[in-house]
């Protein structure tokens, strides 16, 4: 009997111990649950709250690691990018944060200004395990040497101001400007090498280069400035500028347009006709006048078709300036054409003519000589005076032994031969003319001289 009672006691004791153990396990589980520990804690914290992503707007620079935070909802989270080539994302995460590294966008948003940061907007979608959805719109910015891109402004192009897209032009200068951007930051005192890869242009600022290559240093704001000069007279074409970061040797190329003559190669000259007018009907027009050349590429050259009309041969200014001259001349008056050519072969002409005036010239005094007869001995001279007429006189003698020379208004007549008494008498005639009228002088002299 005692043995039986003892056995019953042992069974009862074990049953109580088992019950106590089960109660302890339940208490411990409750305690762990209330303290947030154990396997059930993650499931409890993964429930409830509004799903959100931070940040949901902003700018990410290409090549720079960036962290997003996710809150609320329930894990796991599914992620999607509408442009995975620009901003790749993990497809699913089981944490509240994730890192991304954006690529350099090759295409940027439309409507950006030349000096704006070139960005590409990417939309991110996050879906939680409990079905909530949230989005973020992030701008991915171009980074490193692409920076803000090269801006060609201001320019000195002699073309229509309505052509706002012009970057460079034949014969003109253009300022180039860009930012030294690395990992989203502007760097001052950074050295770059600029090179001509293709195209008829050279660097004229800063000094120290060889025309085809020059080193530049960013200023304290991180901006880089240089000036290029395009060759005059070239046709419209594409050119390539290379920018190299000297420290890293990383480079990028920029393609731009060099614009030729804006009006297809024709020059404009003002005025295109020049007329010189004299005062009298007997006078041709004389003097100087200037004309200007527009729309071409200097230097300009000019050539006259008439030797009586002169013009300076070259002009290096823009617009070109030329001076035409016509000297003193009597009718018939000269006419001619000035042919102007620019450095690219474009041409224009200027018609130049000289015309007589309308004034009536004064009537000249009657032409006369006095005396009209002289007597000379051997080797002797005498004089007569010519007045009136045109004022320009000439003479002829009927005898080879008598000469006549004009000096101003005086006609000197001489009987040649040795001096001394002559023999016999000879009569000869000296004719004096002003070009339209003849007056005569009778000369009496010895027939022979010793």
Protein backbone atom coordinates (compact mmCIF):
# COMPACT_ATOMS: atom_id res chain seq x y z
CA UNK A 1 0.00 0.00 0.00
CA UNK A 2 2.78 2.37 0.94
CA UNK A 3 4.49 1.61 -2.26
CA UNK A 4 1.37 2.42 -4.17
CA UNK A 5 0.92 5.70 -2.35
CA UNK A 6 4.49 6.56 -2.96
CA UNK A 7 4.06 5.98 -6.68
CA UNK A 8 1.00 8.15 -6.78
CA UNK A 9 2.91 10.86 -5.04
CA UNK A 10 5.69 10.74 -7.61
CA UNK A 11 3.21 11.00 -10.49
CA UNK A 12 1.45 13.92 -8.88
CA UNK A 13 4.73 15.67 -8.26
CA UNK A 14 5.80 15.31 -11.88
CA UNK A 15 2.45 16.62 -13.11
CA UNK A 16 2.78 19.73 -10.96
CA UNK A 17 6.32 20.28 -12.22
CA UNK A 18 5.19 20.07 -15.81
CA UNK A 19 2.40 22.53 -15.21
CA UNK A 20 4.73 24.94 -13.51
CA UNK A 21 7.17 24.71 -16.41
CA UNK A 22 4.45 25.44 -18.93
CA UNK A 23 3.29 28.44 -16.92
CA UNK A 24 6.88 29.76 -16.72
CA UNK A 25 7.29 29.42 -20.48
CA UNK A 26 4.14 31.42 -21.07
CA UNK A 27 5.25 34.12 -18.63
CA UNK A 28 8.72 34.28 -20.24
CA UNK A 29 7.25 34.57 -23.76
CA UNK A 30 4.96 37.33 -22.59
CA UNK A 31 7.88 39.09 -20.97
CA UNK A 32 10.01 38.82 -24.09
CA UNK A 33 7.15 40.08 -26.22
CA UNK A 34 6.56 43.07 -23.99
CA UNK A 35 10.28 43.92 -24.03
CA UNK A 36 10.54 43.79 -27.83
CA UNK A 37 13.02 40.92 -27.89
CA UNK A 38 12.90 37.51 -29.53
CA UNK A 39 11.78 36.46 -33.00
CA UNK A 40 8.30 37.95 -32.63
CA UNK A 41 9.60 41.49 -32.03
CA UNK A 42 10.59 42.09 -35.69
CA UNK A 43 7.16 41.06 -36.88
CA UNK A 44 5.48 43.43 -34.47
CA UNK A 45 7.71 46.46 -35.41
CA UNK A 46 7.19 45.74 -39.11
CA UNK A 47 3.52 46.59 -38.89
CA UNK A 48 1.67 49.93 -39.01
CA UNK A 49 2.48 53.50 -39.93
CA UNK A 50 2.33 55.40 -43.20
CA UNK A 51 4.91 54.42 -45.78
CA UNK A 52 7.41 57.19 -46.60
CA UNK A 53 10.77 57.74 -48.33
CA UNK A 54 13.26 60.43 -47.39
CA UNK A 55 14.21 62.51 -49.21
CA UNK A 56 11.38 62.50 -51.73
CA UNK A 57 12.76 65.46 -53.73
CA UNK A 58 16.25 66.83 -54.28
CA UNK A 59 19.39 66.45 -56.37
CA UNK A 60 21.76 63.51 -56.64
CA UNK A 61 25.15 64.02 -58.29
CA UNK A 62 26.31 61.29 -60.63
CA UNK A 63 28.98 58.99 -59.24
CA UNK A 64 28.43 60.06 -55.62
CA UNK A 65 26.92 57.48 -53.14
CA UNK A 66 23.57 58.62 -51.76
CA UNK A 67 21.39 57.07 -49.00
CA UNK A 68 17.58 56.92 -48.87
CA UNK A 69 15.57 56.17 -45.69
CA UNK A 70 12.25 54.29 -45.68
CA UNK A 71 9.77 54.42 -42.81
CA UNK A 72 6.38 52.85 -42.07
CA UNK A 73 4.62 50.12 -43.97
CA UNK A 74 5.76 46.53 -43.72
CA UNK A 75 8.93 44.80 -44.91
CA UNK A 76 10.07 43.73 -47.39
CA UNK A 77 10.03 46.82 -49.62
CA UNK A 78 9.94 46.64 -53.42
CA UNK A 79 11.76 49.44 -55.34
CA UNK A 80 11.48 50.62 -58.93
CA UNK A 81 13.11 53.41 -61.02
CA UNK A 82 11.51 54.75 -64.19
CA UNK A 83 15.04 55.27 -65.59
CA UNK A 84 17.17 52.40 -64.24
CA UNK A 85 20.01 53.29 -66.60
CA UNK A 86 20.41 56.65 -64.86
CA UNK A 87 19.46 55.64 -61.31
CA UNK A 88 19.64 51.84 -60.73
CA UNK A 89 17.88 50.53 -57.58
CA UNK A 90 17.77 47.17 -55.77
CA UNK A 91 14.53 45.38 -56.60
CA UNK A 92 13.75 44.50 -52.95
CA UNK A 93 15.18 45.30 -49.53
CA UNK A 94 14.45 44.06 -46.00
CA UNK A 95 15.83 47.14 -44.22
CA UNK A 96 14.89 50.77 -43.70
CA UNK A 97 17.66 52.31 -45.87
CA UNK A 98 19.42 51.69 -49.15
CA UNK A 99 22.35 53.29 -51.05
CA UNK A 100 22.46 54.32 -54.72
CA UNK A 101 25.14 55.58 -57.14
CA UNK A 102 23.68 57.48 -60.09
CA UNK A 103 25.18 57.41 -63.57
CA UNK A 104 25.98 60.55 -65.57
CA UNK A 105 22.79 61.33 -67.52
CA UNK A 106 23.39 61.71 -71.23
CA UNK A 107 20.04 63.43 -71.79
CA UNK A 108 18.91 66.29 -69.56
CA UNK A 109 15.50 67.80 -68.84
CA UNK A 110 13.99 70.06 -71.48
CA UNK A 111 13.68 73.81 -70.86
CA UNK A 112 16.92 74.27 -68.92
CA UNK A 113 18.86 77.50 -69.48
CA UNK A 114 22.53 77.36 -70.68
CA UNK A 115 23.80 78.28 -67.19
CA UNK A 116 21.45 75.88 -65.31
CA UNK A 117 22.74 72.70 -63.69
CA UNK A 118 22.14 69.94 -66.28
CA UNK A 119 19.87 67.39 -64.55
CA UNK A 120 17.63 64.47 -65.44
CA UNK A 121 14.48 63.90 -63.33
CA UNK A 122 14.00 60.27 -62.19
CA UNK A 123 10.88 58.93 -60.46
CA UNK A 124 11.29 56.31 -57.70
CA UNK A 125 8.42 54.05 -56.55
CA UNK A 126 8.44 52.18 -53.18
CA UNK A 127 5.86 49.46 -52.36
CA UNK A 128 5.68 47.96 -48.87
CA UNK A 129 4.70 44.44 -47.92
CA UNK A 130 1.30 45.60 -46.73
CA UNK A 131 0.47 47.17 -50.10
CA UNK A 132 1.26 50.86 -49.44
CA UNK A 133 2.94 52.87 -52.22
CA UNK A 134 4.98 56.09 -52.09
CA UNK A 135 7.11 57.94 -54.66
CA UNK A 136 10.08 60.30 -54.89
CA UNK A 137 11.11 62.61 -57.73
CA UNK A 138 14.88 63.10 -57.72
CA UNK A 139 17.06 65.11 -60.09
CA UNK A 140 20.26 63.37 -61.20
CA UNK A 141 22.89 65.99 -62.03
CA UNK A 142 25.72 65.58 -64.50
CA UNK A 143 29.01 65.51 -62.66
CA UNK A 144 32.79 65.80 -62.96
CA UNK A 145 34.06 67.52 -66.14
CA UNK A 146 30.62 67.85 -67.67
CA UNK A 147 29.82 70.39 -64.96
CA UNK A 148 27.49 73.05 -66.25
CA UNK A 149 28.75 72.56 -69.82
CA UNK A 150 30.65 75.04 -71.96
CA UNK A 151 28.82 78.30 -72.67
CA UNK A 152 29.89 80.39 -75.70
CA UNK A 153 29.11 83.98 -74.70
CA UNK A 154 29.64 86.82 -75.37
CA UNK A 155 30.59 86.85 -79.06
CA UNK A 156 31.80 89.50 -81.54
CA UNK A 157 30.16 88.07 -84.63
CA UNK A 158 29.18 90.48 -87.45
CA UNK A 159 25.91 88.66 -88.05
CA UNK A 160 22.25 89.26 -87.32
CA UNK A 161 21.51 89.55 -83.59
CA UNK A 162 18.35 87.46 -84.14
CA UNK A 163 20.58 84.40 -84.58
CA UNK A 164 20.74 83.73 -80.83
CA UNK A 165 22.04 80.20 -81.32
CA UNK A 166 25.37 81.39 -82.75
CA UNK A 167 28.33 80.10 -80.73
CA UNK A 168 31.23 81.30 -82.90
CA UNK A 169 31.61 82.90 -86.31
CA UNK A 170 34.21 83.28 -89.05
CA UNK A 171 36.51 86.16 -88.16
CA UNK A 172 34.88 86.71 -84.75
CA UNK A 173 35.79 86.04 -81.14
CA UNK A 174 33.84 84.00 -78.57
CA UNK A 175 34.27 83.76 -74.81
CA UNK A 176 34.01 80.22 -73.43
CA UNK A 177 32.98 79.59 -69.84
CA UNK A 178 32.47 76.45 -67.74
CA UNK A 179 32.57 75.29 -64.13
CA UNK A 180 35.15 73.10 -62.42
CA UNK A 181 32.60 70.68 -60.89
CA UNK A 182 33.75 67.54 -59.07
CA UNK A 183 31.36 65.37 -57.05
CA UNK A 184 28.86 68.20 -57.07
CA UNK A 185 31.28 70.83 -55.76
CA UNK A 186 32.92 73.81 -57.45
CA UNK A 187 36.72 73.83 -57.23
CA UNK A 188 38.83 76.98 -57.46
CA UNK A 189 42.47 77.03 -58.54
CA UNK A 190 42.01 73.87 -60.65
CA UNK A 191 44.09 73.60 -63.85
CA UNK A 192 42.60 72.50 -67.17
CA UNK A 193 44.08 72.09 -70.62
CA UNK A 194 42.01 73.31 -73.58
CA UNK A 195 42.77 71.87 -77.03
CA UNK A 196 41.58 72.38 -80.59
CA UNK A 197 40.49 68.93 -81.72
CA UNK A 198 38.77 70.00 -84.95
CA UNK A 199 37.92 73.27 -86.64
CA UNK A 200 39.51 76.57 -87.76
CA UNK A 201 39.83 78.34 -84.40
CA UNK A 202 42.54 79.14 -81.89
CA UNK A 203 42.91 80.31 -78.29
CA UNK A 204 43.85 83.97 -77.85
CA UNK A 205 43.27 84.17 -74.07
CA UNK A 206 44.71 83.43 -71.60
CA UNK A 207 48.24 84.11 -72.89
CA UNK A 208 50.92 81.48 -72.92
CA UNK A 209 49.43 78.93 -75.28
CA UNK A 210 50.36 78.09 -78.85
CA UNK A 211 46.97 78.85 -80.40
CA UNK A 212 45.95 75.21 -80.61
CA UNK A 213 46.34 74.49 -76.88
CA UNK A 214 46.32 76.53 -73.67
CA UNK A 215 46.21 75.90 -69.92
CA UNK A 216 43.59 77.69 -67.81
CA UNK A 217 42.99 77.82 -64.05
CA UNK A 218 39.57 78.14 -62.41
CA UNK A 219 39.03 81.29 -60.36
CA UNK A 220 38.07 81.27 -56.66
CA UNK A 221 34.41 80.70 -57.60
CA UNK A 222 35.28 77.62 -59.65
CA UNK A 223 34.62 79.26 -63.03
CA UNK A 224 36.93 78.89 -66.02
CA UNK A 225 37.20 81.54 -68.76
CA UNK A 226 38.98 81.64 -72.13
CA UNK A 227 38.59 83.37 -75.51
CA UNK A 228 38.78 81.77 -78.96
CA UNK A 229 39.21 83.39 -82.40
CA UNK A 230 37.70 81.69 -85.46
CA UNK A 231 39.53 82.00 -88.78
CA UNK A 232 38.06 84.63 -91.10
CA UNK A 233 36.40 83.57 -94.32
CA UNK A 234 35.70 79.93 -93.44
CA UNK A 235 32.41 78.20 -94.25
CA UNK A 236 29.86 77.21 -91.63
CA UNK A 237 31.05 74.02 -89.93
CA UNK A 238 31.24 72.04 -86.70
CA UNK A 239 34.26 72.34 -84.42
CA UNK A 240 35.41 70.34 -81.39
CA UNK A 241 36.91 71.74 -78.17
CA UNK A 242 38.53 69.34 -75.65
CA UNK A 243 38.67 70.06 -71.91
CA UNK A 244 41.18 68.01 -69.88
CA UNK A 245 41.59 68.02 -66.11
CA UNK A 246 45.37 68.19 -65.78
CA UNK A 247 45.53 66.45 -62.39
CA UNK A 248 43.46 63.38 -63.35
CA UNK A 249 43.96 63.48 -67.16
CA UNK A 250 40.20 62.94 -67.55
CA UNK A 251 38.84 64.80 -70.59
CA UNK A 252 35.58 65.58 -72.32
CA UNK A 253 34.84 67.02 -75.79
CA UNK A 254 32.40 69.80 -76.70
CA UNK A 255 31.04 70.21 -80.22
CA UNK A 256 30.01 73.70 -81.34
CA UNK A 257 29.21 75.55 -84.58
CA UNK A 258 31.39 78.11 -86.35
CA UNK A 259 28.99 80.17 -88.47
CA UNK A 260 30.14 81.56 -91.83
CA UNK A 261 28.92 84.75 -93.50
CA UNK A 262 25.31 85.29 -92.51
CA UNK A 263 23.97 86.25 -95.97
CA UNK A 264 25.49 83.51 -98.09
CA UNK A 265 28.67 85.32 -99.15
CA UNK A 266 27.28 88.62 -100.54
CA UNK A 267 28.75 91.90 -99.29
CA UNK A 268 26.81 95.10 -98.70
CA UNK A 269 28.48 98.40 -99.64
CA UNK A 270 27.12 101.81 -98.65
CA UNK A 271 26.97 103.84 -100.80
CA UNK A 272 27.16 101.67 -103.91
CA UNK A 273 27.44 104.68 -106.29
CA UNK A 274 29.73 107.71 -105.91
CA UNK A 275 29.63 110.76 -108.26
CA UNK A 276 32.08 113.68 -108.30
CA UNK A 277 30.76 116.84 -110.05
CA UNK A 278 32.83 119.76 -111.32
CA UNK A 279 31.93 123.47 -111.09
CA UNK A 280 32.20 124.51 -114.76
CA UNK A 281 31.38 122.78 -117.98
CA UNK A 282 35.11 122.72 -118.61
CA UNK A 283 35.91 121.03 -115.25
CA UNK A 284 35.53 117.37 -114.22
CA UNK A 285 34.52 116.52 -110.65
CA UNK A 286 37.40 115.92 -108.24
CA UNK A 287 37.84 115.11 -104.52
CA UNK A 288 37.52 112.23 -102.02
CA UNK A 289 34.65 110.14 -100.69
CA UNK A 290 34.33 107.08 -98.42
CA UNK A 291 32.21 103.92 -98.53
CA UNK A 292 31.60 101.13 -95.99
CA UNK A 293 31.55 97.33 -96.41
CA UNK A 294 29.22 95.16 -94.27
CA UNK A 295 28.40 91.43 -93.83
CA UNK A 296 31.81 90.08 -94.81
CA UNK A 297 34.90 88.86 -92.99
CA UNK A 298 37.93 91.18 -92.85
CA UNK A 299 40.43 91.92 -94.15
CA UNK A 300 38.78 93.49 -97.20
CA UNK A 301 40.58 94.45 -100.43
CA UNK A 302 39.58 96.96 -103.12
CA UNK A 303 40.73 97.48 -106.73
CA UNK A 304 39.84 100.28 -109.17
CA UNK A 305 39.19 99.63 -112.86
CA UNK A 306 40.33 103.17 -113.86
CA UNK A 307 43.82 104.64 -113.39
CA UNK A 308 42.21 108.06 -112.86
CA UNK A 309 40.27 106.74 -109.83
CA UNK A 310 42.27 105.63 -106.80
CA UNK A 311 41.23 103.72 -103.64
CA UNK A 312 43.11 102.42 -100.58
CA UNK A 313 43.80 98.75 -101.21
CA UNK A 314 42.95 97.11 -97.85
CA UNK A 315 40.84 97.55 -94.73
CA UNK A 316 41.10 95.34 -91.64
CA UNK A 317 38.19 96.89 -89.74
CA UNK A 318 34.68 95.51 -89.57
CA UNK A 319 32.83 97.10 -91.25
CA UNK A 320 35.50 97.87 -93.83
CA UNK A 321 36.15 101.53 -94.70
CA UNK A 322 37.61 102.72 -98.04
CA UNK A 323 38.42 106.19 -99.45
CA UNK A 324 38.01 106.91 -103.19
CA UNK A 325 39.89 109.81 -104.86
CA UNK A 326 39.62 111.47 -108.30
CA UNK A 327 42.29 113.97 -109.35
CA UNK A 328 42.01 117.19 -111.41
CA UNK A 329 41.24 116.49 -115.04
CA UNK A 330 39.51 118.05 -118.03
CA UNK A 331 36.71 116.42 -120.03
CA UNK A 332 36.23 113.69 -121.03
CA UNK A 333 35.74 112.83 -117.34
CA UNK A 334 36.73 109.38 -115.99
CA UNK A 335 34.36 106.63 -114.83
CA UNK A 336 35.19 103.28 -113.25
CA UNK A 337 34.22 100.46 -110.87
CA UNK A 338 35.68 99.58 -107.48
CA UNK A 339 35.66 95.81 -106.83
CA UNK A 340 35.65 94.88 -103.12
CA UNK A 341 36.52 91.36 -101.90
CA UNK A 342 36.54 89.95 -98.36
CA UNK A 343 38.82 87.26 -96.94
CA UNK A 344 36.35 84.56 -97.92
CA UNK A 345 36.04 85.62 -101.56
CA UNK A 346 32.68 87.40 -101.30
CA UNK A 347 32.43 90.41 -103.66
CA UNK A 348 30.63 93.70 -104.17
CA UNK A 349 31.12 96.69 -106.50
CA UNK A 350 30.97 100.46 -106.18
CA UNK A 351 30.36 102.56 -109.32
CA UNK A 352 32.42 105.78 -109.42
CA UNK A 353 32.14 108.55 -111.99
CA UNK A 354 33.35 112.11 -112.48
CA UNK A 355 31.13 114.55 -114.41
CA UNK A 356 31.59 118.12 -115.66
CA UNK A 357 29.80 120.94 -113.93
CA UNK A 358 27.01 123.14 -115.29
CA UNK A 359 28.68 126.53 -114.83
CA UNK A 360 29.69 128.59 -117.90
CA UNK A 361 33.42 129.40 -117.93
CA UNK A 362 34.36 133.12 -118.26
CA UNK A 363 35.15 134.34 -121.78
CA UNK A 364 38.92 134.88 -122.16
CA UNK A 365 40.38 138.26 -123.24
CA UNK A 366 41.13 138.75 -126.98
CA UNK A 367 44.43 137.24 -127.92
CA UNK A 368 47.01 139.77 -129.25
CA UNK A 369 50.76 140.34 -129.51
CA UNK A 370 52.66 143.65 -129.51
CA UNK A 371 54.61 144.89 -131.25
CA UNK A 372 53.75 143.01 -134.41
CA UNK A 373 57.11 143.85 -136.16
CA UNK A 374 60.74 143.83 -134.98
CA UNK A 375 64.07 144.57 -136.65
CA UNK A 376 67.12 142.58 -135.55
CA UNK A 377 70.82 142.62 -136.29
CA UNK A 378 73.16 139.62 -136.46
CA UNK A 379 73.12 137.70 -133.16
CA UNK A 380 70.56 140.12 -131.74
CA UNK A 381 67.24 139.50 -129.92
CA UNK A 382 63.99 141.35 -129.49
CA UNK A 383 60.82 140.72 -127.48
CA UNK A 384 57.08 140.92 -128.01
CA UNK A 385 54.29 140.48 -125.44
CA UNK A 386 51.39 138.05 -125.80
CA UNK A 387 48.16 138.71 -123.89
CA UNK A 388 44.64 137.23 -123.67
CA UNK A 389 43.46 134.03 -125.22
CA UNK A 390 43.95 130.85 -123.27
CA UNK A 391 47.12 132.12 -121.59
CA UNK A 392 49.11 129.20 -122.94
CA UNK A 393 51.24 130.18 -125.93
CA UNK A 394 53.50 128.52 -128.46
CA UNK A 395 55.52 129.77 -131.50
CA UNK A 396 56.82 128.77 -134.91
CA UNK A 397 59.25 130.61 -137.26
CA UNK A 398 59.25 130.72 -141.05
CA UNK A 399 63.08 130.86 -141.14
CA UNK A 400 65.64 128.57 -139.64
CA UNK A 401 67.85 131.65 -139.04
CA UNK A 402 65.23 133.17 -136.72
CA UNK A 403 64.19 131.50 -133.47
CA UNK A 404 61.41 132.32 -131.02
CA UNK A 405 61.08 131.16 -127.38
CA UNK A 406 58.04 131.70 -125.10
CA UNK A 407 58.38 132.38 -121.38
CA UNK A 408 55.08 133.28 -119.75
CA UNK A 409 53.72 136.26 -121.71
CA UNK A 410 57.07 137.12 -123.32
CA UNK A 411 58.16 135.87 -126.74
CA UNK A 412 61.92 136.34 -127.37
CA UNK A 413 62.92 136.41 -131.07
CA UNK A 414 66.59 136.01 -132.07
CA UNK A 415 68.58 136.37 -135.41
CA UNK A 416 71.15 133.60 -135.12
CA UNK A 417 74.73 133.80 -136.39
CA UNK A 418 77.92 135.62 -135.39
CA UNK A 419 77.64 139.23 -134.33
CA UNK A 420 78.63 142.00 -136.67
CA UNK A 421 77.36 143.88 -139.68
CA UNK A 422 75.31 141.76 -141.99
CA UNK A 423 74.71 141.96 -145.69
CA UNK A 424 71.36 142.31 -147.44
CA UNK A 425 67.89 142.22 -145.85
CA UNK A 426 65.67 139.23 -144.99
CA UNK A 427 62.02 139.27 -143.90
CA UNK A 428 60.60 136.34 -141.92
CA UNK A 429 57.50 135.66 -139.86
CA UNK A 430 57.09 134.34 -136.30
CA UNK A 431 53.63 132.91 -135.55
CA UNK A 432 52.34 133.02 -131.94
CA UNK A 433 49.23 130.98 -130.97
CA UNK A 434 47.15 130.37 -127.82
CA UNK A 435 45.85 127.12 -129.20
CA UNK A 436 42.87 128.56 -131.03
CA UNK A 437 44.06 131.90 -132.55
CA UNK A 438 47.30 132.84 -134.35
CA UNK A 439 49.01 136.22 -134.28
CA UNK A 440 52.10 136.98 -136.42
CA UNK A 441 55.21 139.11 -135.90
CA UNK A 442 57.20 140.39 -138.92
CA UNK A 443 60.93 140.10 -138.37
CA UNK A 444 63.45 142.12 -140.50
CA UNK A 445 67.07 141.02 -140.26
CA UNK A 446 70.29 140.76 -142.35
CA UNK A 447 70.22 138.09 -144.96
CA UNK A 448 73.77 137.02 -144.12
CA UNK A 449 75.89 137.45 -141.02
CA UNK A 450 79.68 137.37 -140.85
